[in-house]
Amino acid sequence: MDIKTKAKQVPITNLYKGSLRQTGKSLIGQCPWHNDRVASFAVFPATNTYFCFSGCGYGDSIEFYRKTHKVDFKTAIKELGK
C-alpha cells in the first residue's frame, strides 16, 4: 500500500478533537475551524470524509490534517502515512 492510500485511510474521527454524536449515517459536532454555536460539522465514516455546513470546506483525512495543522499536502501525507 502506498503512503497516500495509507494516509487517506486514517479515520477522521481519530483526528478530530472534541465529541461527535451519531445522526443517521453521519457524526455531527462543532467545526474545528470557526466559532460554532450550533454543531455544523459532519463526518461521514462510510467515506471517511467531512463537511462544514458553515462554509469551512470538505474533504478527506488528508485535507482535514492539512487544514488543522496548517501544513502542505505533502507534509500531511507524510505525517498520516507513518
C-alpha atoms as a PDB file:
ATOM      1  CA  MET A   1       0.000   0.000   0.000  1.00  0.00           C
ATOM      2  CA  ASP A   2       1.408   3.401  -0.927  1.00  0.00           C
ATOM      3  CA  ILE A   3       1.732   6.228   1.590  1.00  0.00           C
ATOM      4  CA  LYS A   4      -1.113   8.318   0.087  1.00  0.00           C
ATOM      5  CA  THR A   5      -3.576   5.418   0.329  1.00  0.00           C
ATOM      6  CA  LYS A   6      -2.467   4.726   3.879  1.00  0.00           C
ATOM      7  CA  ALA A   7      -2.889   8.410   4.799  1.00  0.00           C
ATOM      8  CA  LYS A   8      -6.416   8.519   3.325  1.00  0.00           C
ATOM      9  CA  GLN A   9      -7.413   5.537   5.470  1.00  0.00           C
ATOM     10  CA  VAL A  10      -6.687   7.257   8.797  1.00  0.00           C
ATOM     11  CA  PRO A  11     -10.154   7.806  10.306  1.00  0.00           C
ATOM     12  CA  ILE A  12     -11.114  11.459  10.603  1.00  0.00           C
ATOM     13  CA  THR A  13     -12.733  10.524  13.909  1.00  0.00           C
ATOM     14  CA  ASN A  14      -9.221   9.753  15.219  1.00  0.00           C
ATOM     15  CA  LEU A  15      -8.007  13.209  14.156  1.00  0.00           C
ATOM     16  CA  TYR A  16     -10.988  15.218  15.409  1.00  0.00           C
ATOM     17  CA  LYS A  17     -10.595  16.801  18.852  1.00  0.00           C
ATOM     18  CA  GLY A  18     -13.924  17.008  20.606  1.00  0.00           C
ATOM     19  CA  SER A  19     -17.078  14.978  20.720  1.00  0.00           C
ATOM     20  CA  LEU A  20     -19.216  13.811  17.829  1.00  0.00           C
ATOM     21  CA  ARG A  21     -22.748  12.471  18.082  1.00  0.00           C
ATOM     22  CA  GLN A  22     -24.346   9.940  15.778  1.00  0.00           C
ATOM     23  CA  THR A  23     -27.063  11.299  13.477  1.00  0.00           C
ATOM     24  CA  GLY A  24     -28.134   8.695  10.957  1.00  0.00           C
ATOM     25  CA  LYS A  25     -25.071   7.667   8.955  1.00  0.00           C
ATOM     26  CA  SER A  26     -23.040  10.714   9.951  1.00  0.00           C
ATOM     27  CA  LEU A  27     -21.391  12.091  13.063  1.00  0.00           C
ATOM     28  CA  ILE A  28     -22.090  15.718  13.983  1.00  0.00           C
ATOM     29  CA  GLY A  29     -20.032  18.104  16.085  1.00  0.00           C
ATOM     30  CA  GLN A  30     -18.611  21.594  16.304  1.00  0.00           C
ATOM     31  CA  CYS A  31     -16.395  22.749  13.473  1.00  0.00           C
ATOM     32  CA  PRO A  32     -12.731  22.873  14.477  1.00  0.00           C
ATOM     33  CA  TRP A  33     -12.054  25.943  12.293  1.00  0.00           C
ATOM     34  CA  HIS A  34     -14.660  28.514  13.318  1.00  0.00           C
ATOM     35  CA  ASN A  35     -16.609  29.561  16.404  1.00  0.00           C
ATOM     36  CA  ASP A  36     -19.522  27.200  16.280  1.00  0.00           C
ATOM     37  CA  ARG A  37     -22.588  27.825  18.450  1.00  0.00           C
ATOM     38  CA  VAL A  38     -24.533  25.112  16.637  1.00  0.00           C
ATOM     39  CA  ALA A  39     -22.942  21.862  15.526  1.00  0.00           C
ATOM     40  CA  SER A  40     -22.280  22.449  11.820  1.00  0.00           C
ATOM     41  CA  PHE A  41     -19.542  19.899  11.183  1.00  0.00           C
ATOM     42  CA  ALA A  42     -20.256  16.403   9.880  1.00  0.00           C
ATOM     43  CA  VAL A  43     -18.059  13.348   9.475  1.00  0.00           C
ATOM     44  CA  PHE A  44     -19.207  10.583   7.155  1.00  0.00           C
ATOM     45  CA  PRO A  45     -17.489   7.376   8.370  1.00  0.00           C
ATOM     46  CA  ALA A  46     -18.547   5.294   5.348  1.00  0.00           C
ATOM     47  CA  THR A  47     -16.465   7.504   3.025  1.00  0.00           C
ATOM     48  CA  ASN A  48     -14.072   8.907   5.660  1.00  0.00           C
ATOM     49  CA  THR A  49     -14.918  12.461   4.622  1.00  0.00           C
ATOM     50  CA  TYR A  50     -16.058  15.623   6.396  1.00  0.00           C
ATOM     51  CA  PHE A  51     -18.163  18.669   5.558  1.00  0.00           C
ATOM     52  CA  CYS A  52     -18.691  22.001   7.335  1.00  0.00           C
ATOM     53  CA  PHE A  53     -22.177  23.354   6.683  1.00  0.00           C
ATOM     54  CA  SER A  54     -20.972  26.878   7.567  1.00  0.00           C
ATOM     55  CA  GLY A  55     -18.537  27.059   4.682  1.00  0.00           C
ATOM     56  CA  CYS A  56     -15.193  25.915   6.065  1.00  0.00           C
ATOM     57  CA  GLY A  57     -14.928  23.207   3.436  1.00  0.00           C
ATOM     58  CA  TYR A  58     -14.969  19.485   2.947  1.00  0.00           C
ATOM     59  CA  GLY A  59     -12.502  16.717   2.251  1.00  0.00           C
ATOM     60  CA  ASP A  60     -10.838  13.527   3.351  1.00  0.00           C
ATOM     61  CA  SER A  61      -8.463  12.769   6.208  1.00  0.00           C
ATOM     62  CA  ILE A  62      -5.507  14.272   4.340  1.00  0.00           C
ATOM     63  CA  GLU A  63      -7.331  17.577   3.841  1.00  0.00           C
ATOM     64  CA  PHE A  64      -8.551  17.536   7.457  1.00  0.00           C
ATOM     65  CA  TYR A  65      -4.997  17.072   8.738  1.00  0.00           C
ATOM     66  CA  ARG A  66      -3.605  19.652   6.329  1.00  0.00           C
ATOM     67  CA  LYS A  67      -6.152  22.264   7.354  1.00  0.00           C
ATOM     68  CA  THR A  68      -5.982  21.535  11.100  1.00  0.00           C
ATOM     69  CA  HIS A  69      -2.176  21.556  11.304  1.00  0.00           C
ATOM     70  CA  LYS A  70      -1.653  24.240   8.615  1.00  0.00           C
ATOM     71  CA  VAL A  71       0.717  22.106   6.577  1.00  0.00           C
ATOM     72  CA  ASP A  72       1.003  21.396   2.872  1.00  0.00           C
ATOM     73  CA  PHE A  73      -0.357  18.304   1.156  1.00  0.00           C
ATOM     74  CA  LYS A  74       2.998  16.517   1.039  1.00  0.00           C
ATOM     75  CA  THR A  75       3.623  17.029   4.773  1.00  0.00           C
ATOM     76  CA  ALA A  76       0.114  15.833   5.643  1.00  0.00           C
ATOM     77  CA  ILE A  77       0.600  12.617   3.648  1.00  0.00           C
ATOM     78  CA  LYS A  78       3.984  12.007   5.238  1.00  0.00           C
ATOM     79  CA  GLU A  79       2.653  12.535   8.793  1.00  0.00           C
ATOM     80  CA  LEU A  80      -0.520  10.476   8.327  1.00  0.00           C
ATOM     81  CA  GLY A  81       1.259   7.712   6.441  1.00  0.00           C
ATOM     82  CA  LYS A  82       3.605   6.870   9.321  1.00  0.00           C
END
